[in-house]
Every structure is written in C-alpha cells, then in structure tokens.
Amino acid sequence: MSTHATGQSHGDDQYPPDGVEAIVHAVPLVLPVAGGILIFLLAFIAVYMA
C-alpha cells in the first residue's frame, strides 16, 4: 500500500504573493492624483514658457 506523506490536495496550492495584485487596489486613487499633478506641471511649464 502506498501513502502520500505530503498531505496536500489540489485546493491547497500556496502561491507567492504577486506584486501587481498587492497594489492594484490603489490604482483608482493613484491614477487621478498622478494625472492631476501631470496636468498642473504641464500647465505651469506652458505659462512659464509663454
């Protein structure tokens, strides 16, 4: 008779944490803030050059 010493089933797979999945919850906040900063900087540069 054979026995499995590991004791794992197919549903017990443990994966390492993914970097993208760790920060994807912050995307709806970061994108508008970064866009606003970029628009402000581009407008500042346009006014400064004019």
PDB file of N, CA and C in Angstrom:
ATOM      1  N   MET A   1       0.828  -1.179   0.000  1.00  0.00           N
ATOM      2  CA  MET A   1       0.000   0.000   0.000  1.00  0.00           C
ATOM      3  C   MET A   1       0.878   1.250   0.000  1.00  0.00           C
ATOM      4  N   SER A   2       0.418   2.249  -0.701  1.00  0.00           N
ATOM      5  CA  SER A   2       1.175   3.492  -0.744  1.00  0.00           C
ATOM      6  C   SER A   2       0.395   4.602  -0.048  1.00  0.00           C
ATOM      7  N   THR A   3       1.122   5.485   0.598  1.00  0.00           N
ATOM      8  CA  THR A   3       0.505   6.636   1.261  1.00  0.00           C
ATOM      9  C   THR A   3       1.221   7.895   0.810  1.00  0.00           C
ATOM     10  N   HIS A   4       0.487   8.980   0.789  1.00  0.00           N
ATOM     11  CA  HIS A   4       1.086  10.267   0.426  1.00  0.00           C
ATOM     12  C   HIS A   4       1.498  10.985   1.708  1.00  0.00           C
ATOM     13  N   ALA A   5       2.768  11.267   1.828  1.00  0.00           N
ATOM     14  CA  ALA A   5       3.284  11.885   3.039  1.00  0.00           C
ATOM     15  C   ALA A   5       3.057  13.391   3.069  1.00  0.00           C
ATOM     16  N   THR A   6       2.823  14.015   1.912  1.00  0.00           N
ATOM     17  CA  THR A   6       2.705  15.475   1.892  1.00  0.00           C
ATOM     18  C   THR A   6       1.392  15.948   2.490  1.00  0.00           C
ATOM     19  N   GLY A   7       0.287  15.255   2.277  1.00  0.00           N
ATOM     20  CA  GLY A   7      -0.986  15.636   2.853  1.00  0.00           C
ATOM     21  C   GLY A   7      -1.633  16.824   2.179  1.00  0.00           C
ATOM     22  N   GLN A   8      -1.241  17.140   0.963  1.00  0.00           N
ATOM     23  CA  GLN A   8      -1.820  18.275   0.250  1.00  0.00           C
ATOM     24  C   GLN A   8      -2.807  17.785  -0.788  1.00  0.00           C
ATOM     25  N   SER A   9      -3.867  18.535  -0.954  1.00  0.00           N
ATOM     26  CA  SER A   9      -4.800  18.252  -2.033  1.00  0.00           C
ATOM     27  C   SER A   9      -4.628  19.314  -3.111  1.00  0.00           C
ATOM     28  N   HIS A  10      -5.404  19.210  -4.168  1.00  0.00           N
ATOM     29  CA  HIS A  10      -5.259  20.165  -5.261  1.00  0.00           C
ATOM     30  C   HIS A  10      -5.708  21.564  -4.871  1.00  0.00           C
ATOM     31  N   GLY A  11      -6.544  21.712  -3.891  1.00  0.00           N
ATOM     32  CA  GLY A  11      -7.034  23.017  -3.479  1.00  0.00           C
ATOM     33  C   GLY A  11      -6.134  23.729  -2.493  1.00  0.00           C
ATOM     34  N   ASP A  12      -5.063  23.108  -2.042  1.00  0.00           N
ATOM     35  CA  ASP A  12      -4.192  23.695  -1.031  1.00  0.00           C
ATOM     36  C   ASP A  12      -2.937  24.324  -1.611  1.00  0.00           C
ATOM     37  N   ASP A  13      -2.926  24.627  -2.899  1.00  0.00           N
ATOM     38  CA  ASP A  13      -1.733  25.206  -3.515  1.00  0.00           C
ATOM     39  C   ASP A  13      -1.490  26.604  -2.954  1.00  0.00           C
ATOM     40  N   GLN A  14      -0.283  26.845  -2.499  1.00  0.00           N
ATOM     41  CA  GLN A  14       0.100  28.150  -1.977  1.00  0.00           C
ATOM     42  C   GLN A  14       1.008  28.830  -2.988  1.00  0.00           C
ATOM     43  N   TYR A  15       0.601  30.000  -3.437  1.00  0.00           N
ATOM     44  CA  TYR A  15       1.383  30.756  -4.407  1.00  0.00           C
ATOM     45  C   TYR A  15       2.048  31.940  -3.713  1.00  0.00           C
ATOM     46  N   PRO A  16       3.213  32.342  -4.187  1.00  0.00           N
ATOM     47  CA  PRO A  16       3.847  33.529  -3.604  1.00  0.00           C
ATOM     48  C   PRO A  16       3.013  34.772  -3.918  1.00  0.00           C
ATOM     49  N   PRO A  17       3.041  35.776  -3.065  1.00  0.00           N
ATOM     50  CA  PRO A  17       2.252  36.987  -3.318  1.00  0.00           C
ATOM     51  C   PRO A  17       2.728  37.699  -4.578  1.00  0.00           C
ATOM     52  N   ASP A  18       1.779  38.148  -5.374  1.00  0.00           N
ATOM     53  CA  ASP A  18       2.083  38.828  -6.629  1.00  0.00           C
ATOM     54  C   ASP A  18       2.183  40.328  -6.370  1.00  0.00           C
ATOM     55  N   GLY A  19       3.201  40.960  -6.925  1.00  0.00           N
ATOM     56  CA  GLY A  19       3.399  42.392  -6.725  1.00  0.00           C
ATOM     57  C   GLY A  19       2.288  43.230  -7.314  1.00  0.00           C
ATOM     58  N   VAL A  20       1.774  42.833  -8.461  1.00  0.00           N
ATOM     59  CA  VAL A  20       0.704  43.597  -9.108  1.00  0.00           C
ATOM     60  C   VAL A  20      -0.581  43.508  -8.290  1.00  0.00           C
ATOM     61  N   GLU A  21      -0.903  42.314  -7.800  1.00  0.00           N
ATOM     62  CA  GLU A  21      -2.113  42.155  -7.010  1.00  0.00           C
ATOM     63  C   GLU A  21      -2.013  42.880  -5.668  1.00  0.00           C
ATOM     64  N   ALA A  22      -0.814  43.144  -5.215  1.00  0.00           N
ATOM     65  CA  ALA A  22      -0.651  43.835  -3.941  1.00  0.00           C
ATOM     66  C   ALA A  22      -0.960  45.327  -4.048  1.00  0.00           C
ATOM     67  N   ILE A  23      -0.789  45.919  -5.252  1.00  0.00           N
ATOM     68  CA  ILE A  23      -1.006  47.356  -5.386  1.00  0.00           C
ATOM     69  C   ILE A  23      -2.212  47.712  -6.239  1.00  0.00           C
ATOM     70  N   VAL A  24      -2.893  46.715  -6.813  1.00  0.00           N
ATOM     71  CA  VAL A  24      -3.985  47.017  -7.738  1.00  0.00           C
ATOM     72  C   VAL A  24      -5.147  47.712  -7.039  1.00  0.00           C
ATOM     73  N   HIS A  25      -5.297  47.546  -5.731  1.00  0.00           N
ATOM     74  CA  HIS A  25      -6.382  48.218  -5.018  1.00  0.00           C
ATOM     75  C   HIS A  25      -6.161  49.727  -4.928  1.00  0.00           C
ATOM     76  N   ALA A  26      -4.931  50.202  -5.103  1.00  0.00           N
ATOM     77  CA  ALA A  26      -4.630  51.629  -5.004  1.00  0.00           C
ATOM     78  C   ALA A  26      -4.716  52.349  -6.349  1.00  0.00           C
ATOM     79  N   VAL A  27      -4.912  51.625  -7.433  1.00  0.00           N
ATOM     80  CA  VAL A  27      -4.908  52.233  -8.766  1.00  0.00           C
ATOM     81  C   VAL A  27      -6.005  53.285  -8.929  1.00  0.00           C
ATOM     82  N   PRO A  28      -7.247  53.065  -8.481  1.00  0.00           N
ATOM     83  CA  PRO A  28      -8.262  54.113  -8.656  1.00  0.00           C
ATOM     84  C   PRO A  28      -7.949  55.420  -7.933  1.00  0.00           C
ATOM     85  N   LEU A  29      -7.084  55.394  -6.956  1.00  0.00           N
ATOM     86  CA  LEU A  29      -6.698  56.625  -6.268  1.00  0.00           C
ATOM     87  C   LEU A  29      -5.439  57.243  -6.859  1.00  0.00           C
ATOM     88  N   VAL A  30      -4.500  56.408  -7.256  1.00  0.00           N
ATOM     89  CA  VAL A  30      -3.208  56.900  -7.715  1.00  0.00           C
ATOM     90  C   VAL A  30      -3.302  57.517  -9.105  1.00  0.00           C
ATOM     91  N   LEU A  31      -4.062  56.923 -10.013  1.00  0.00           N
ATOM     92  CA  LEU A  31      -4.132  57.437 -11.376  1.00  0.00           C
ATOM     93  C   LEU A  31      -4.703  58.854 -11.454  1.00  0.00           C
ATOM     94  N   PRO A  32      -5.823  59.173 -10.819  1.00  0.00           N
ATOM     95  CA  PRO A  32      -6.300  60.560 -10.896  1.00  0.00           C
ATOM     96  C   PRO A  32      -5.355  61.564 -10.241  1.00  0.00           C
ATOM     97  N   VAL A  33      -4.742  61.181  -9.139  1.00  0.00           N
ATOM     98  CA  VAL A  33      -3.807  62.090  -8.471  1.00  0.00           C
ATOM     99  C   VAL A  33      -2.592  62.345  -9.360  1.00  0.00           C
ATOM    100  N   ALA A  34      -2.049  61.281  -9.945  1.00  0.00           N
ATOM    101  CA  ALA A  34      -0.895  61.443 -10.830  1.00  0.00           C
ATOM    102  C   ALA A  34      -1.278  62.252 -12.070  1.00  0.00           C
ATOM    103  N   GLY A  35      -2.479  62.038 -12.595  1.00  0.00           N
ATOM    104  CA  GLY A  35      -2.940  62.817 -13.747  1.00  0.00           C
ATOM    105  C   GLY A  35      -3.093  64.278 -13.415  1.00  0.00           C
ATOM    106  N   GLY A  36      -3.631  64.578 -12.250  1.00  0.00           N
ATOM    107  CA  GLY A  36      -3.775  65.977 -11.837  1.00  0.00           C
ATOM    108  C   GLY A  36      -2.435  66.663 -11.663  1.00  0.00           C
ATOM    109  N   ILE A  37      -1.493  65.961 -11.077  1.00  0.00           N
ATOM    110  CA  ILE A  37      -0.145  66.535 -10.916  1.00  0.00           C
ATOM    111  C   ILE A  37       0.500  66.767 -12.276  1.00  0.00           C
ATOM    112  N   LEU A  38       0.344  65.823 -13.184  1.00  0.00           N
ATOM    113  CA  LEU A  38       0.931  65.967 -14.515  1.00  0.00           C
ATOM    114  C   LEU A  38       0.315  67.143 -15.264  1.00  0.00           C
ATOM    115  N   ILE A  39      -1.009  67.292 -15.201  1.00  0.00           N
ATOM    116  CA  ILE A  39      -1.670  68.415 -15.871  1.00  0.00           C
ATOM    117  C   ILE A  39      -1.204  69.738 -15.266  1.00  0.00           C
ATOM    118  N   PHE A  40      -1.093  69.795 -13.935  1.00  0.00           N
ATOM    119  CA  PHE A  40      -0.619  71.020 -13.289  1.00  0.00           C
ATOM    120  C   PHE A  40       0.801  71.367 -13.729  1.00  0.00           C
ATOM    121  N   LEU A  41       1.662  70.381 -13.778  1.00  0.00           N
ATOM    122  CA  LEU A  41       3.051  70.652 -14.189  1.00  0.00           C
ATOM    123  C   LEU A  41       3.132  71.086 -15.647  1.00  0.00           C
ATOM    124  N   LEU A  42       2.359  70.450 -16.516  1.00  0.00           N
ATOM    125  CA  LEU A  42       2.363  70.854 -17.928  1.00  0.00           C
ATOM    126  C   LEU A  42       1.819  72.267 -18.099  1.00  0.00           C
ATOM    127  N   ALA A  43       0.763  72.625 -17.360  1.00  0.00           N
ATOM    128  CA  ALA A  43       0.234  73.993 -17.431  1.00  0.00           C
ATOM    129  C   ALA A  43       1.243  74.988 -16.894  1.00  0.00           C
ATOM    130  N   PHE A  44       1.923  74.653 -15.807  1.00  0.00           N
ATOM    131  CA  PHE A  44       2.937  75.534 -15.249  1.00  0.00           C
ATOM    132  C   PHE A  44       4.073  75.764 -16.249  1.00  0.00           C
ATOM    133  N   ILE A  45       4.503  74.712 -16.914  1.00  0.00           N
ATOM    134  CA  ILE A  45       5.567  74.848 -17.913  1.00  0.00           C
ATOM    135  C   ILE A  45       5.094  75.714 -19.084  1.00  0.00           C
ATOM    136  N   ALA A  46       3.832  75.541 -19.522  1.00  0.00           N
ATOM    137  CA  ALA A  46       3.306  76.324 -20.645  1.00  0.00           C
ATOM    138  C   ALA A  46       3.215  77.806 -20.278  1.00  0.00           C
ATOM    139  N   VAL A  47       2.792  78.120 -19.053  1.00  0.00           N
ATOM    140  CA  VAL A  47       2.706  79.511 -18.630  1.00  0.00           C
ATOM    141  C   VAL A  47       4.107  80.099 -18.467  1.00  0.00           C
ATOM    142  N   TYR A  48       5.022  79.322 -17.956  1.00  0.00           N
ATOM    143  CA  TYR A  48       6.388  79.795 -17.754  1.00  0.00           C
ATOM    144  C   TYR A  48       7.071  80.080 -19.095  1.00  0.00           C
ATOM    145  N   MET A  49       6.810  79.245 -20.101  1.00  0.00           N
ATOM    146  CA  MET A  49       7.444  79.431 -21.407  1.00  0.00           C
ATOM    147  C   MET A  49       6.806  80.577 -22.197  1.00  0.00           C
ATOM    148  N   ALA A  50       5.563  80.930 -21.884  1.00  0.00           N
ATOM    149  CA  ALA A  50       4.866  81.977 -22.648  1.00  0.00           C
ATOM    150  C   ALA A  50       5.328  83.368 -22.304  1.00  0.00           C
TER     151      ALA A  50
END
